[in-house]
Amino acid sequence: MIEIYWGSPLSFVSPAGEVQKFGTIEQAAYWLRKKWPVADEARDRALTRIDAAMHCLGSVGSARRAFISAASSAGFVRDSRVA
């Protein structure tokens, strides 16, 4: 399997305080399908855009933005700690 580069990893803090790092579009897709805490319109939009990007029918940037929006909708906040 070839992993699709989607930019620098995204780190989010869950509502429970756990930090999760999303380094590939495949990891983001897995989380949205299997581990996402809410099933809402933002999640569905992110899944659609990620699937399109993975099949070269949409942009990776659009998928990434949709994922960030879904994370925000689910209560995640960007991790602002410096590595």
C-alpha atoms as a PDB file:
ATOM      1  CA  MET A   1       0.000   0.000   0.000  1.00  0.00           C
ATOM      2  CA  ILE A   2       1.249   3.473  -0.876  1.00  0.00           C
ATOM      3  CA  GLU A   3       0.601   6.155   1.716  1.00  0.00           C
ATOM      4  CA  ILE A   4      -0.428   9.573   0.442  1.00  0.00           C
ATOM      5  CA  TYR A   5       1.538  12.510   1.819  1.00  0.00           C
ATOM      6  CA  TRP A   6      -0.821  15.128   3.131  1.00  0.00           C
ATOM      7  CA  GLY A   7       1.570  17.600   4.703  1.00  0.00           C
ATOM      8  CA  SER A   8       3.048  17.829   8.145  1.00  0.00           C
ATOM      9  CA  PRO A   9       1.353  15.711  10.823  1.00  0.00           C
ATOM     10  CA  LEU A  10      -1.634  17.148  12.640  1.00  0.00           C
ATOM     11  CA  SER A  11      -1.786  16.829  16.423  1.00  0.00           C
ATOM     12  CA  PHE A  12      -5.028  17.232  18.322  1.00  0.00           C
ATOM     13  CA  VAL A  13      -5.998  17.036  21.971  1.00  0.00           C
ATOM     14  CA  SER A  14      -9.195  15.074  22.547  1.00  0.00           C
ATOM     15  CA  PRO A  15     -11.908  16.270  24.917  1.00  0.00           C
ATOM     16  CA  ALA A  16     -10.495  13.668  27.372  1.00  0.00           C
ATOM     17  CA  GLY A  17      -7.065  15.329  27.189  1.00  0.00           C
ATOM     18  CA  GLU A  18      -5.309  12.688  25.099  1.00  0.00           C
ATOM     19  CA  VAL A  19      -3.001  13.807  22.289  1.00  0.00           C
ATOM     20  CA  GLN A  20      -3.440  12.104  18.921  1.00  0.00           C
ATOM     21  CA  LYS A  21      -1.109  12.672  15.979  1.00  0.00           C
ATOM     22  CA  PHE A  22      -2.393  12.133  12.419  1.00  0.00           C
ATOM     23  CA  GLY A  23       0.531  11.686  10.055  1.00  0.00           C
ATOM     24  CA  THR A  24      -1.148  10.167   6.997  1.00  0.00           C
ATOM     25  CA  ILE A  25      -4.442  10.481   5.202  1.00  0.00           C
ATOM     26  CA  GLU A  26      -4.950   6.738   5.728  1.00  0.00           C
ATOM     27  CA  GLN A  27      -4.693   7.180   9.494  1.00  0.00           C
ATOM     28  CA  ALA A  28      -7.205  10.026   9.398  1.00  0.00           C
ATOM     29  CA  ALA A  29      -9.603   7.894   7.337  1.00  0.00           C
ATOM     30  CA  TYR A  30      -9.279   4.991   9.778  1.00  0.00           C
ATOM     31  CA  TRP A  31     -10.015   7.219  12.750  1.00  0.00           C
ATOM     32  CA  LEU A  32     -13.027   8.806  11.053  1.00  0.00           C
ATOM     33  CA  ARG A  33     -14.457   5.374  10.222  1.00  0.00           C
ATOM     34  CA  LYS A  34     -13.602   3.402  13.371  1.00  0.00           C
ATOM     35  CA  LYS A  35     -12.724   5.656  16.313  1.00  0.00           C
ATOM     36  CA  TRP A  36     -14.446   8.994  15.770  1.00  0.00           C
ATOM     37  CA  PRO A  37     -16.473  10.114  18.799  1.00  0.00           C
ATOM     38  CA  VAL A  38     -19.344  11.728  16.834  1.00  0.00           C
ATOM     39  CA  ALA A  39     -21.194  10.948  13.623  1.00  0.00           C
ATOM     40  CA  ASP A  40     -22.083  14.337  12.219  1.00  0.00           C
ATOM     41  CA  GLU A  41     -22.080  16.236   8.933  1.00  0.00           C
ATOM     42  CA  ALA A  42     -18.469  17.404   9.385  1.00  0.00           C
ATOM     43  CA  ARG A  43     -17.291  13.786   9.790  1.00  0.00           C
ATOM     44  CA  ASP A  44     -19.234  12.680   6.726  1.00  0.00           C
ATOM     45  CA  ARG A  45     -17.814  15.556   4.670  1.00  0.00           C
ATOM     46  CA  ALA A  46     -14.275  14.698   5.812  1.00  0.00           C
ATOM     47  CA  LEU A  47     -14.753  11.037   4.868  1.00  0.00           C
ATOM     48  CA  THR A  48     -16.041  12.030   1.431  1.00  0.00           C
ATOM     49  CA  ARG A  49     -13.148  14.419   0.785  1.00  0.00           C
ATOM     50  CA  ILE A  50     -10.531  11.970   2.097  1.00  0.00           C
ATOM     51  CA  ASP A  51     -11.935   9.174  -0.057  1.00  0.00           C
ATOM     52  CA  ALA A  52     -11.863  11.464  -3.117  1.00  0.00           C
ATOM     53  CA  ALA A  53      -8.250  12.463  -2.421  1.00  0.00           C
ATOM     54  CA  MET A  54      -7.208   8.849  -1.933  1.00  0.00           C
ATOM     55  CA  HIS A  55      -8.660   8.026  -5.359  1.00  0.00           C
ATOM     56  CA  CYS A  56      -7.086  11.115  -7.003  1.00  0.00           C
ATOM     57  CA  LEU A  57     -10.515  12.674  -7.549  1.00  0.00           C
ATOM     58  CA  GLY A  58     -10.063  15.544  -5.104  1.00  0.00           C
ATOM     59  CA  SER A  59      -7.294  17.548  -3.542  1.00  0.00           C
ATOM     60  CA  VAL A  60      -5.366  16.477  -0.485  1.00  0.00           C
ATOM     61  CA  GLY A  61      -5.613  20.047   0.807  1.00  0.00           C
ATOM     62  CA  SER A  62      -9.410  19.899   0.706  1.00  0.00           C
ATOM     63  CA  ALA A  63      -9.346  16.571   2.551  1.00  0.00           C
ATOM     64  CA  ARG A  64      -7.008  17.970   5.185  1.00  0.00           C
ATOM     65  CA  ARG A  65      -9.179  21.053   5.748  1.00  0.00           C
ATOM     66  CA  ALA A  66     -12.298  18.880   6.035  1.00  0.00           C
ATOM     67  CA  PHE A  67     -10.536  16.656   8.573  1.00  0.00           C
ATOM     68  CA  ILE A  68      -9.515  19.682  10.663  1.00  0.00           C
ATOM     69  CA  SER A  69     -13.120  20.892  10.567  1.00  0.00           C
ATOM     70  CA  ALA A  70     -14.395  17.449  11.636  1.00  0.00           C
ATOM     71  CA  ALA A  71     -11.897  17.382  14.495  1.00  0.00           C
ATOM     72  CA  SER A  72     -13.096  20.759  15.688  1.00  0.00           C
ATOM     73  CA  SER A  73     -16.727  19.634  15.428  1.00  0.00           C
ATOM     74  CA  ALA A  74     -15.897  16.555  17.541  1.00  0.00           C
ATOM     75  CA  GLY A  75     -14.342  18.673  20.303  1.00  0.00           C
ATOM     76  CA  PHE A  76     -10.676  18.182  19.434  1.00  0.00           C
ATOM     77  CA  VAL A  77      -8.352  21.185  19.654  1.00  0.00           C
ATOM     78  CA  ARG A  78      -5.055  21.636  17.860  1.00  0.00           C
ATOM     79  CA  ASP A  79      -2.068  20.690  20.013  1.00  0.00           C
ATOM     80  CA  SER A  80       0.027  23.842  20.235  1.00  0.00           C
ATOM     81  CA  ARG A  81       2.956  22.328  22.133  1.00  0.00           C
ATOM     82  CA  VAL A  82       6.355  22.678  20.490  1.00  0.00           C
ATOM     83  CA  ALA A  83       8.191  19.395  19.932  1.00  0.00           C
END
